[in-house]
Amino acid sequence: MIDANDNFTMDAFTEAPRRKGRPPTGKAMTPSARKAAQRRRDFMALCTDLGAIDFHGASITSLLEYLPKAIAAGRVLAVEAIAAELILRATHNSDNHA
């Protein structure tokens, strides 16, 4: 028999109370997988339209990964733009360390 005043004993046929916080989705990524996905997105942004690329938002790693691919594909404008961005960042870093 169920005691109406009993608030502590769990009933075997009712659901357990919901846990606090955001429910898990099952799609959690490790930090390395998340970083690889970010590099993949950056690379795809570089591949699509060179005129609409914001090189300031791209990581140095993605620029360096795309540079040999652009050279091999003969994309001269992409190589020039990436080289200019890398030179800009290098001069900016040398100004900060001087």
PDB file of N, CA and C in Angstrom:
ATOM      1  N   MET A   1       0.843  -1.161   0.000  1.00  0.00           N
ATOM      2  CA  MET A   1       0.000   0.000   0.000  1.00  0.00           C
ATOM      3  C   MET A   1       0.898   1.237   0.000  1.00  0.00           C
ATOM      4  N   ILE A   2       0.498   2.283  -0.700  1.00  0.00           N
ATOM      5  CA  ILE A   2       1.262   3.519  -0.819  1.00  0.00           C
ATOM      6  C   ILE A   2       0.794   4.499   0.240  1.00  0.00           C
ATOM      7  N   ASP A   3       1.766   4.995   0.995  1.00  0.00           N
ATOM      8  CA  ASP A   3       1.458   5.989   2.009  1.00  0.00           C
ATOM      9  C   ASP A   3       1.478   7.373   1.351  1.00  0.00           C
ATOM     10  N   ALA A   4       0.425   8.119   1.415  1.00  0.00           N
ATOM     11  CA  ALA A   4       0.321   9.424   0.780  1.00  0.00           C
ATOM     12  C   ALA A   4       1.281  10.440   1.401  1.00  0.00           C
ATOM     13  N   ASN A   5       1.697  10.220   2.637  1.00  0.00           N
ATOM     14  CA  ASN A   5       2.594  11.156   3.320  1.00  0.00           C
ATOM     15  C   ASN A   5       4.067  10.804   3.151  1.00  0.00           C
ATOM     16  N   ASP A   6       4.364   9.681   2.508  1.00  0.00           N
ATOM     17  CA  ASP A   6       5.747   9.241   2.329  1.00  0.00           C
ATOM     18  C   ASP A   6       6.352   9.945   1.109  1.00  0.00           C
ATOM     19  N   ASN A   7       7.296  10.861   1.335  1.00  0.00           N
ATOM     20  CA  ASN A   7       7.933  11.612   0.258  1.00  0.00           C
ATOM     21  C   ASN A   7       9.346  11.118  -0.058  1.00  0.00           C
ATOM     22  N   PHE A   8       9.819  10.114   0.656  1.00  0.00           N
ATOM     23  CA  PHE A   8      11.205   9.695   0.520  1.00  0.00           C
ATOM     24  C   PHE A   8      11.386   8.373  -0.204  1.00  0.00           C
ATOM     25  N   THR A   9      10.450   7.482  -0.140  1.00  0.00           N
ATOM     26  CA  THR A   9      10.576   6.177  -0.760  1.00  0.00           C
ATOM     27  C   THR A   9      10.225   6.278  -2.243  1.00  0.00           C
ATOM     28  N   MET A  10      11.111   5.764  -3.091  1.00  0.00           N
ATOM     29  CA  MET A  10      10.880   5.809  -4.531  1.00  0.00           C
ATOM     30  C   MET A  10       9.897   4.713  -4.920  1.00  0.00           C
ATOM     31  N   ASP A  11       9.001   5.053  -5.809  1.00  0.00           N
ATOM     32  CA  ASP A  11       8.057   4.081  -6.326  1.00  0.00           C
ATOM     33  C   ASP A  11       8.719   3.387  -7.520  1.00  0.00           C
ATOM     34  N   ALA A  12       8.579   2.086  -7.624  1.00  0.00           N
ATOM     35  CA  ALA A  12       9.222   1.324  -8.685  1.00  0.00           C
ATOM     36  C   ALA A  12       8.595   1.588 -10.045  1.00  0.00           C
ATOM     37  N   PHE A  13       7.401   2.124 -10.108  1.00  0.00           N
ATOM     38  CA  PHE A  13       6.702   2.287 -11.372  1.00  0.00           C
ATOM     39  C   PHE A  13       6.657   3.726 -11.883  1.00  0.00           C
ATOM     40  N   THR A  14       7.182   4.644 -11.141  1.00  0.00           N
ATOM     41  CA  THR A  14       7.214   6.032 -11.610  1.00  0.00           C
ATOM     42  C   THR A  14       8.609   6.364 -12.096  1.00  0.00           C
ATOM     43  N   GLU A  15       8.710   7.382 -12.915  1.00  0.00           N
ATOM     44  CA  GLU A  15       9.998   7.808 -13.443  1.00  0.00           C
ATOM     45  C   GLU A  15      10.833   8.482 -12.362  1.00  0.00           C
ATOM     46  N   ALA A  16      12.126   8.387 -12.533  1.00  0.00           N
ATOM     47  CA  ALA A  16      13.035   9.080 -11.623  1.00  0.00           C
ATOM     48  C   ALA A  16      12.924  10.574 -11.891  1.00  0.00           C
ATOM     49  N   PRO A  17      13.127  11.390 -10.873  1.00  0.00           N
ATOM     50  CA  PRO A  17      13.049  12.841 -11.108  1.00  0.00           C
ATOM     51  C   PRO A  17      14.108  13.286 -12.115  1.00  0.00           C
ATOM     52  N   ARG A  18      13.793  14.277 -12.896  1.00  0.00           N
ATOM     53  CA  ARG A  18      14.709  14.776 -13.917  1.00  0.00           C
ATOM     54  C   ARG A  18      15.913  15.440 -13.271  1.00  0.00           C
ATOM     55  N   ARG A  19      17.049  15.277 -13.915  1.00  0.00           N
ATOM     56  CA  ARG A  19      18.268  15.897 -13.413  1.00  0.00           C
ATOM     57  C   ARG A  19      18.309  17.364 -13.791  1.00  0.00           C
ATOM     58  N   LYS A  20      19.039  18.138 -13.013  1.00  0.00           N
ATOM     59  CA  LYS A  20      19.189  19.563 -13.286  1.00  0.00           C
ATOM     60  C   LYS A  20      20.145  19.766 -14.457  1.00  0.00           C
ATOM     61  N   GLY A  21      20.013  20.921 -15.087  1.00  0.00           N
ATOM     62  CA  GLY A  21      20.943  21.281 -16.148  1.00  0.00           C
ATOM     63  C   GLY A  21      20.429  20.931 -17.524  1.00  0.00           C
ATOM     64  N   ARG A  22      21.284  21.182 -18.487  1.00  0.00           N
ATOM     65  CA  ARG A  22      20.943  20.935 -19.877  1.00  0.00           C
ATOM     66  C   ARG A  22      20.998  19.445 -20.164  1.00  0.00           C
ATOM     67  N   PRO A  23      20.001  18.892 -20.859  1.00  0.00           N
ATOM     68  CA  PRO A  23      20.029  17.461 -21.149  1.00  0.00           C
ATOM     69  C   PRO A  23      21.123  17.121 -22.164  1.00  0.00           C
ATOM     70  N   PRO A  24      21.755  15.972 -22.019  1.00  0.00           N
ATOM     71  CA  PRO A  24      22.812  15.598 -22.959  1.00  0.00           C
ATOM     72  C   PRO A  24      22.227  15.285 -24.333  1.00  0.00           C
ATOM     73  N   THR A  25      22.957  15.674 -25.387  1.00  0.00           N
ATOM     74  CA  THR A  25      22.494  15.426 -26.751  1.00  0.00           C
ATOM     75  C   THR A  25      23.113  14.168 -27.341  1.00  0.00           C
ATOM     76  N   GLY A  26      24.216  13.728 -26.781  1.00  0.00           N
ATOM     77  CA  GLY A  26      24.914  12.577 -27.337  1.00  0.00           C
ATOM     78  C   GLY A  26      25.847  12.959 -28.474  1.00  0.00           C
ATOM     79  N   LYS A  27      26.008  14.251 -28.732  1.00  0.00           N
ATOM     80  CA  LYS A  27      26.855  14.710 -29.831  1.00  0.00           C
ATOM     81  C   LYS A  27      28.077  15.477 -29.326  1.00  0.00           C
ATOM     82  N   ALA A  28      28.508  15.195 -28.116  1.00  0.00           N
ATOM     83  CA  ALA A  28      29.648  15.908 -27.541  1.00  0.00           C
ATOM     84  C   ALA A  28      30.913  15.592 -28.333  1.00  0.00           C
ATOM     85  N   MET A  29      31.768  16.606 -28.480  1.00  0.00           N
ATOM     86  CA  MET A  29      33.017  16.447 -29.217  1.00  0.00           C
ATOM     87  C   MET A  29      34.186  16.675 -28.267  1.00  0.00           C
ATOM     88  N   THR A  30      35.276  15.985 -28.539  1.00  0.00           N
ATOM     89  CA  THR A  30      36.486  16.222 -27.769  1.00  0.00           C
ATOM     90  C   THR A  30      37.069  17.559 -28.218  1.00  0.00           C
ATOM     91  N   PRO A  31      37.919  18.171 -27.396  1.00  0.00           N
ATOM     92  CA  PRO A  31      38.516  19.444 -27.818  1.00  0.00           C
ATOM     93  C   PRO A  31      39.279  19.338 -29.138  1.00  0.00           C
ATOM     94  N   SER A  32      39.972  18.221 -29.368  1.00  0.00           N
ATOM     95  CA  SER A  32      40.715  18.085 -30.627  1.00  0.00           C
ATOM     96  C   SER A  32      39.767  17.951 -31.817  1.00  0.00           C
ATOM     97  N   ALA A  33      38.647  17.254 -31.635  1.00  0.00           N
ATOM     98  CA  ALA A  33      37.668  17.138 -32.721  1.00  0.00           C
ATOM     99  C   ALA A  33      37.004  18.479 -33.006  1.00  0.00           C
ATOM    100  N   ARG A  34      36.751  19.258 -31.960  1.00  0.00           N
ATOM    101  CA  ARG A  34      36.159  20.582 -32.131  1.00  0.00           C
ATOM    102  C   ARG A  34      37.118  21.510 -32.888  1.00  0.00           C
ATOM    103  N   LYS A  35      38.415  21.437 -32.560  1.00  0.00           N
ATOM    104  CA  LYS A  35      39.415  22.262 -33.237  1.00  0.00           C
ATOM    105  C   LYS A  35      39.572  21.833 -34.696  1.00  0.00           C
ATOM    106  N   ALA A  36      39.534  20.527 -34.952  1.00  0.00           N
ATOM    107  CA  ALA A  36      39.629  20.038 -36.326  1.00  0.00           C
ATOM    108  C   ALA A  36      38.436  20.509 -37.148  1.00  0.00           C
ATOM    109  N   ALA A  37      37.261  20.537 -36.538  1.00  0.00           N
ATOM    110  CA  ALA A  37      36.070  21.021 -37.233  1.00  0.00           C
ATOM    111  C   ALA A  37      36.202  22.516 -37.533  1.00  0.00           C
ATOM    112  N   GLN A  38      36.775  23.269 -36.601  1.00  0.00           N
ATOM    113  CA  GLN A  38      36.981  24.701 -36.829  1.00  0.00           C
ATOM    114  C   GLN A  38      37.957  24.918 -37.975  1.00  0.00           C
ATOM    115  N   ARG A  39      39.033  24.140 -38.026  1.00  0.00           N
ATOM    116  CA  ARG A  39      39.995  24.270 -39.114  1.00  0.00           C
ATOM    117  C   ARG A  39      39.359  23.904 -40.446  1.00  0.00           C
ATOM    118  N   ARG A  40      38.506  22.881 -40.429  1.00  0.00           N
ATOM    119  CA  ARG A  40      37.805  22.470 -41.646  1.00  0.00           C
ATOM    120  C   ARG A  40      36.874  23.591 -42.133  1.00  0.00           C
ATOM    121  N   ARG A  41      36.158  24.229 -41.199  1.00  0.00           N
ATOM    122  CA  ARG A  41      35.276  25.348 -41.574  1.00  0.00           C
ATOM    123  C   ARG A  41      36.089  26.518 -42.122  1.00  0.00           C
ATOM    124  N   ASP A  42      37.223  26.829 -41.481  1.00  0.00           N
ATOM    125  CA  ASP A  42      38.075  27.906 -41.963  1.00  0.00           C
ATOM    126  C   ASP A  42      38.598  27.606 -43.361  1.00  0.00           C
ATOM    127  N   PHE A  43      38.998  26.360 -43.585  1.00  0.00           N
ATOM    128  CA  PHE A  43      39.516  25.959 -44.891  1.00  0.00           C
ATOM    129  C   PHE A  43      38.430  26.058 -45.952  1.00  0.00           C
ATOM    130  N   MET A  44      37.215  25.633 -45.621  1.00  0.00           N
ATOM    131  CA  MET A  44      36.122  25.704 -46.589  1.00  0.00           C
ATOM    132  C   MET A  44      35.776  27.161 -46.902  1.00  0.00           C
ATOM    133  N   ALA A  45      35.901  28.041 -45.922  1.00  0.00           N
ATOM    134  CA  ALA A  45      35.666  29.459 -46.172  1.00  0.00           C
ATOM    135  C   ALA A  45      36.715  30.003 -47.135  1.00  0.00           C
ATOM    136  N   LEU A  46      37.940  29.535 -47.023  1.00  0.00           N
ATOM    137  CA  LEU A  46      38.994  29.973 -47.929  1.00  0.00           C
ATOM    138  C   LEU A  46      38.794  29.407 -49.333  1.00  0.00           C
ATOM    139  N   CYS A  47      38.210  28.227 -49.427  1.00  0.00           N
ATOM    140  CA  CYS A  47      38.050  27.572 -50.721  1.00  0.00           C
ATOM    141  C   CYS A  47      36.903  28.161 -51.544  1.00  0.00           C
ATOM    142  N   THR A  48      35.876  28.674 -50.893  1.00  0.00           N
ATOM    143  CA  THR A  48      34.669  29.050 -51.618  1.00  0.00           C
ATOM    144  C   THR A  48      34.848  30.329 -52.418  1.00  0.00           C
ATOM    145  N   ASP A  49      34.968  31.457 -51.781  1.00  0.00           N
ATOM    146  CA  ASP A  49      35.011  32.733 -52.495  1.00  0.00           C
ATOM    147  C   ASP A  49      36.109  33.596 -51.903  1.00  0.00           C
ATOM    148  N   LEU A  50      37.144  33.818 -52.675  1.00  0.00           N
ATOM    149  CA  LEU A  50      38.295  34.569 -52.185  1.00  0.00           C
ATOM    150  C   LEU A  50      37.951  36.019 -51.898  1.00  0.00           C
ATOM    151  N   GLY A  51      37.025  36.600 -52.668  1.00  0.00           N
ATOM    152  CA  GLY A  51      36.677  37.999 -52.475  1.00  0.00           C
ATOM    153  C   GLY A  51      35.921  38.248 -51.185  1.00  0.00           C
ATOM    154  N   ALA A  52      35.206  37.248 -50.696  1.00  0.00           N
ATOM    155  CA  ALA A  52      34.378  37.426 -49.502  1.00  0.00           C
ATOM    156  C   ALA A  52      35.057  36.915 -48.238  1.00  0.00           C
ATOM    157  N   ILE A  53      36.330  36.586 -48.331  1.00  0.00           N
ATOM    158  CA  ILE A  53      37.028  36.005 -47.182  1.00  0.00           C
ATOM    159  C   ILE A  53      37.473  37.094 -46.232  1.00  0.00           C
ATOM    160  N   ASP A  54      37.254  36.846 -44.957  1.00  0.00           N
ATOM    161  CA  ASP A  54      37.777  37.721 -43.916  1.00  0.00           C
ATOM    162  C   ASP A  54      39.016  37.034 -43.349  1.00  0.00           C
ATOM    163  N   PHE A  55      40.192  37.390 -43.876  1.00  0.00           N
ATOM    164  CA  PHE A  55      41.410  36.734 -43.423  1.00  0.00           C
ATOM    165  C   PHE A  55      41.729  37.046 -41.969  1.00  0.00           C
ATOM    166  N   HIS A  56      41.230  38.165 -41.458  1.00  0.00           N
ATOM    167  CA  HIS A  56      41.507  38.518 -40.067  1.00  0.00           C
ATOM    168  C   HIS A  56      40.840  37.518 -39.125  1.00  0.00           C
ATOM    169  N   GLY A  57      39.746  36.904 -39.540  1.00  0.00           N
ATOM    170  CA  GLY A  57      39.047  35.939 -38.704  1.00  0.00           C
ATOM    171  C   GLY A  57      39.615  34.533 -38.796  1.00  0.00           C
ATOM    172  N   ALA A  58      40.369  34.239 -39.851  1.00  0.00           N
ATOM    173  CA  ALA A  58      40.927  32.900 -40.029  1.00  0.00           C
ATOM    174  C   ALA A  58      42.143  32.723 -39.127  1.00  0.00           C
ATOM    175  N   SER A  59      42.306  31.506 -38.632  1.00  0.00           N
ATOM    176  CA  SER A  59      43.461  31.232 -37.780  1.00  0.00           C
ATOM    177  C   SER A  59      44.722  31.121 -38.637  1.00  0.00           C
ATOM    178  N   ILE A  60      45.866  31.335 -38.013  1.00  0.00           N
ATOM    179  CA  ILE A  60      47.138  31.220 -38.729  1.00  0.00           C
ATOM    180  C   ILE A  60      47.326  29.799 -39.230  1.00  0.00           C
ATOM    181  N   THR A  61      46.886  28.833 -38.433  1.00  0.00           N
ATOM    182  CA  THR A  61      47.012  27.434 -38.826  1.00  0.00           C
ATOM    183  C   THR A  61      46.237  27.156 -40.106  1.00  0.00           C
ATOM    184  N   SER A  62      45.017  27.667 -40.203  1.00  0.00           N
ATOM    185  CA  SER A  62      44.232  27.410 -41.408  1.00  0.00           C
ATOM    186  C   SER A  62      44.855  28.107 -42.621  1.00  0.00           C
ATOM    187  N   LEU A  63      45.417  29.300 -42.412  1.00  0.00           N
ATOM    188  CA  LEU A  63      46.096  29.979 -43.522  1.00  0.00           C
ATOM    189  C   LEU A  63      47.308  29.181 -43.995  1.00  0.00           C
ATOM    190  N   LEU A  64      48.090  28.681 -43.033  1.00  0.00           N
ATOM    191  CA  LEU A  64      49.280  27.904 -43.394  1.00  0.00           C
ATOM    192  C   LEU A  64      48.923  26.563 -44.012  1.00  0.00           C
ATOM    193  N   GLU A  65      47.798  25.979 -43.607  1.00  0.00           N
ATOM    194  CA  GLU A  65      47.366  24.714 -44.206  1.00  0.00           C
ATOM    195  C   GLU A  65      46.866  24.919 -45.629  1.00  0.00           C
ATOM    196  N   TYR A  66      46.234  26.058 -45.898  1.00  0.00           N
ATOM    197  CA  TYR A  66      45.673  26.294 -47.219  1.00  0.00           C
ATOM    198  C   TYR A  66      46.717  26.770 -48.216  1.00  0.00           C
ATOM    199  N   LEU A  67      47.776  27.408 -47.753  1.00  0.00           N
ATOM    200  CA  LEU A  67      48.774  27.996 -48.644  1.00  0.00           C
ATOM    201  C   LEU A  67      49.379  26.980 -49.629  1.00  0.00           C
ATOM    202  N   PRO A  68      49.896  25.822 -49.200  1.00  0.00           N
ATOM    203  CA  PRO A  68      50.454  24.886 -50.189  1.00  0.00           C
ATOM    204  C   PRO A  68      49.383  24.331 -51.141  1.00  0.00           C
ATOM    205  N   LYS A  69      48.149  24.214 -50.666  1.00  0.00           N
ATOM    206  CA  LYS A  69      47.076  23.734 -51.538  1.00  0.00           C
ATOM    207  C   LYS A  69      46.756  24.769 -52.604  1.00  0.00           C
ATOM    208  N   ALA A  70      46.792  26.049 -52.225  1.00  0.00           N
ATOM    209  CA  ALA A  70      46.547  27.113 -53.201  1.00  0.00           C
ATOM    210  C   ALA A  70      47.680  27.194 -54.212  1.00  0.00           C
ATOM    211  N   ILE A  71      48.906  26.972 -53.753  1.00  0.00           N
ATOM    212  CA  ILE A  71      50.056  26.980 -54.666  1.00  0.00           C
ATOM    213  C   ILE A  71      49.934  25.833 -55.658  1.00  0.00           C
ATOM    214  N   ALA A  72      49.606  24.641 -55.159  1.00  0.00           N
ATOM    215  CA  ALA A  72      49.483  23.471 -56.033  1.00  0.00           C
ATOM    216  C   ALA A  72      48.352  23.637 -57.049  1.00  0.00           C
ATOM    217  N   ALA A  73      47.278  24.323 -56.644  1.00  0.00           N
ATOM    218  CA  ALA A  73      46.143  24.521 -57.548  1.00  0.00           C
ATOM    219  C   ALA A  73      46.354  25.702 -58.488  1.00  0.00           C
ATOM    220  N   GLY A  74      47.430  26.463 -58.302  1.00  0.00           N
ATOM    221  CA  GLY A  74      47.708  27.591 -59.163  1.00  0.00           C
ATOM    222  C   GLY A  74      46.821  28.799 -58.892  1.00  0.00           C
ATOM    223  N   ARG A  75      46.327  28.922 -57.678  1.00  0.00           N
ATOM    224  CA  ARG A  75      45.464  30.055 -57.318  1.00  0.00           C
ATOM    225  C   ARG A  75      46.349  31.209 -56.849  1.00  0.00           C
ATOM    226  N   VAL A  76      46.815  31.986 -57.814  1.00  0.00           N
ATOM    227  CA  VAL A  76      47.781  33.046 -57.544  1.00  0.00           C
ATOM    228  C   VAL A  76      47.181  34.110 -56.630  1.00  0.00           C
ATOM    229  N   LEU A  77      45.941  34.503 -56.876  1.00  0.00           N
ATOM    230  CA  LEU A  77      45.323  35.534 -56.041  1.00  0.00           C
ATOM    231  C   LEU A  77      45.179  35.076 -54.593  1.00  0.00           C
ATOM    232  N   ALA A  78      44.859  33.802 -54.408  1.00  0.00           N
ATOM    233  CA  ALA A  78      44.733  33.272 -53.047  1.00  0.00           C
ATOM    234  C   ALA A  78      46.089  33.278 -52.356  1.00  0.00           C
ATOM    235  N   VAL A  79      47.138  32.884 -53.081  1.00  0.00           N
ATOM    236  CA  VAL A  79      48.486  32.868 -52.507  1.00  0.00           C
ATOM    237  C   VAL A  79      48.916  34.277 -52.126  1.00  0.00           C
ATOM    238  N   GLU A  80      48.653  35.250 -53.006  1.00  0.00           N
ATOM    239  CA  GLU A  80      49.017  36.632 -52.712  1.00  0.00           C
ATOM    240  C   GLU A  80      48.267  37.163 -51.488  1.00  0.00           C
ATOM    241  N   ALA A  81      46.977  36.854 -51.402  1.00  0.00           N
ATOM    242  CA  ALA A  81      46.176  37.350 -50.278  1.00  0.00           C
ATOM    243  C   ALA A  81      46.611  36.719 -48.960  1.00  0.00           C
ATOM    244  N   ILE A  82      46.882  35.419 -48.981  1.00  0.00           N
ATOM    245  CA  ILE A  82      47.318  34.732 -47.760  1.00  0.00           C
ATOM    246  C   ILE A  82      48.697  35.233 -47.338  1.00  0.00           C
ATOM    247  N   ALA A  83      49.591  35.381 -48.305  1.00  0.00           N
ATOM    248  CA  ALA A  83      50.933  35.879 -47.989  1.00  0.00           C
ATOM    249  C   ALA A  83      50.867  37.287 -47.406  1.00  0.00           C
ATOM    250  N   ALA A  84      50.015  38.128 -47.973  1.00  0.00           N
ATOM    251  CA  ALA A  84      49.873  39.490 -47.452  1.00  0.00           C
ATOM    252  C   ALA A  84      49.344  39.481 -46.028  1.00  0.00           C
ATOM    253  N   GLU A  85      48.384  38.608 -45.740  1.00  0.00           N
ATOM    254  CA  GLU A  85      47.837  38.524 -44.378  1.00  0.00           C
ATOM    255  C   GLU A  85      48.880  38.002 -43.394  1.00  0.00           C
ATOM    256  N   LEU A  86      49.659  37.007 -43.803  1.00  0.00           N
ATOM    257  CA  LEU A  86      50.702  36.478 -42.922  1.00  0.00           C
ATOM    258  C   LEU A  86      51.786  37.525 -42.666  1.00  0.00           C
ATOM    259  N   ILE A  87      52.151  38.298 -43.692  1.00  0.00           N
ATOM    260  CA  ILE A  87      53.139  39.366 -43.514  1.00  0.00           C
ATOM    261  C   ILE A  87      52.593  40.431 -42.578  1.00  0.00           C
ATOM    262  N   LEU A  88      51.320  40.780 -42.735  1.00  0.00           N
ATOM    263  CA  LEU A  88      50.698  41.769 -41.861  1.00  0.00           C
ATOM    264  C   LEU A  88      50.728  41.310 -40.399  1.00  0.00           C
ATOM    265  N   ARG A  89      50.397  40.052 -40.178  1.00  0.00           N
ATOM    266  CA  ARG A  89      50.406  39.530 -38.800  1.00  0.00           C
ATOM    267  C   ARG A  89      51.820  39.470 -38.242  1.00  0.00           C
ATOM    268  N   ALA A  90      52.794  39.105 -39.085  1.00  0.00           N
ATOM    269  CA  ALA A  90      54.178  39.022 -38.615  1.00  0.00           C
ATOM    270  C   ALA A  90      54.710  40.407 -38.249  1.00  0.00           C
ATOM    271  N   THR A  91      54.404  41.404 -39.055  1.00  0.00           N
ATOM    272  CA  THR A  91      54.870  42.758 -38.729  1.00  0.00           C
ATOM    273  C   THR A  91      54.162  43.285 -37.502  1.00  0.00           C
ATOM    274  N   HIS A  92      52.893  42.932 -37.333  1.00  0.00           N
ATOM    275  CA  HIS A  92      52.162  43.354 -36.149  1.00  0.00           C
ATOM    276  C   HIS A  92      52.770  42.726 -34.899  1.00  0.00           C
ATOM    277  N   ASN A  93      53.132  41.438 -34.974  1.00  0.00           N
ATOM    278  CA  ASN A  93      53.753  40.762 -33.837  1.00  0.00           C
ATOM    279  C   ASN A  93      55.151  41.304 -33.556  1.00  0.00           C
ATOM    280  N   SER A  94      55.901  41.649 -34.604  1.00  0.00           N
ATOM    281  CA  SER A  94      57.250  42.181 -34.370  1.00  0.00           C
ATOM    282  C   SER A  94      57.189  43.577 -33.763  1.00  0.00           C
ATOM    283  N   ASP A  95      56.154  44.358 -34.110  1.00  0.00           N
ATOM    284  CA  ASP A  95      55.986  45.676 -33.498  1.00  0.00           C
ATOM    285  C   ASP A  95      55.658  45.557 -32.005  1.00  0.00           C
ATOM    286  N   ASN A  96      54.899  44.528 -31.663  1.00  0.00           N
ATOM    287  CA  ASN A  96      54.514  44.344 -30.255  1.00  0.00           C
ATOM    288  C   ASN A  96      55.695  43.851 -29.408  1.00  0.00           C
ATOM    289  N   HIS A  97      56.618  43.119 -30.014  1.00  0.00           N
ATOM    290  CA  HIS A  97      57.737  42.555 -29.249  1.00  0.00           C
ATOM    291  C   HIS A  97      58.962  43.458 -29.258  1.00  0.00           C
ATOM    292  N   ALA A  98      58.945  44.501 -30.042  1.00  0.00           N
ATOM    293  CA  ALA A  98      60.137  45.370 -30.135  1.00  0.00           C
ATOM    294  C   ALA A  98      60.174  46.375 -29.009  1.00  0.00           C
TER     295      ALA A  98
END
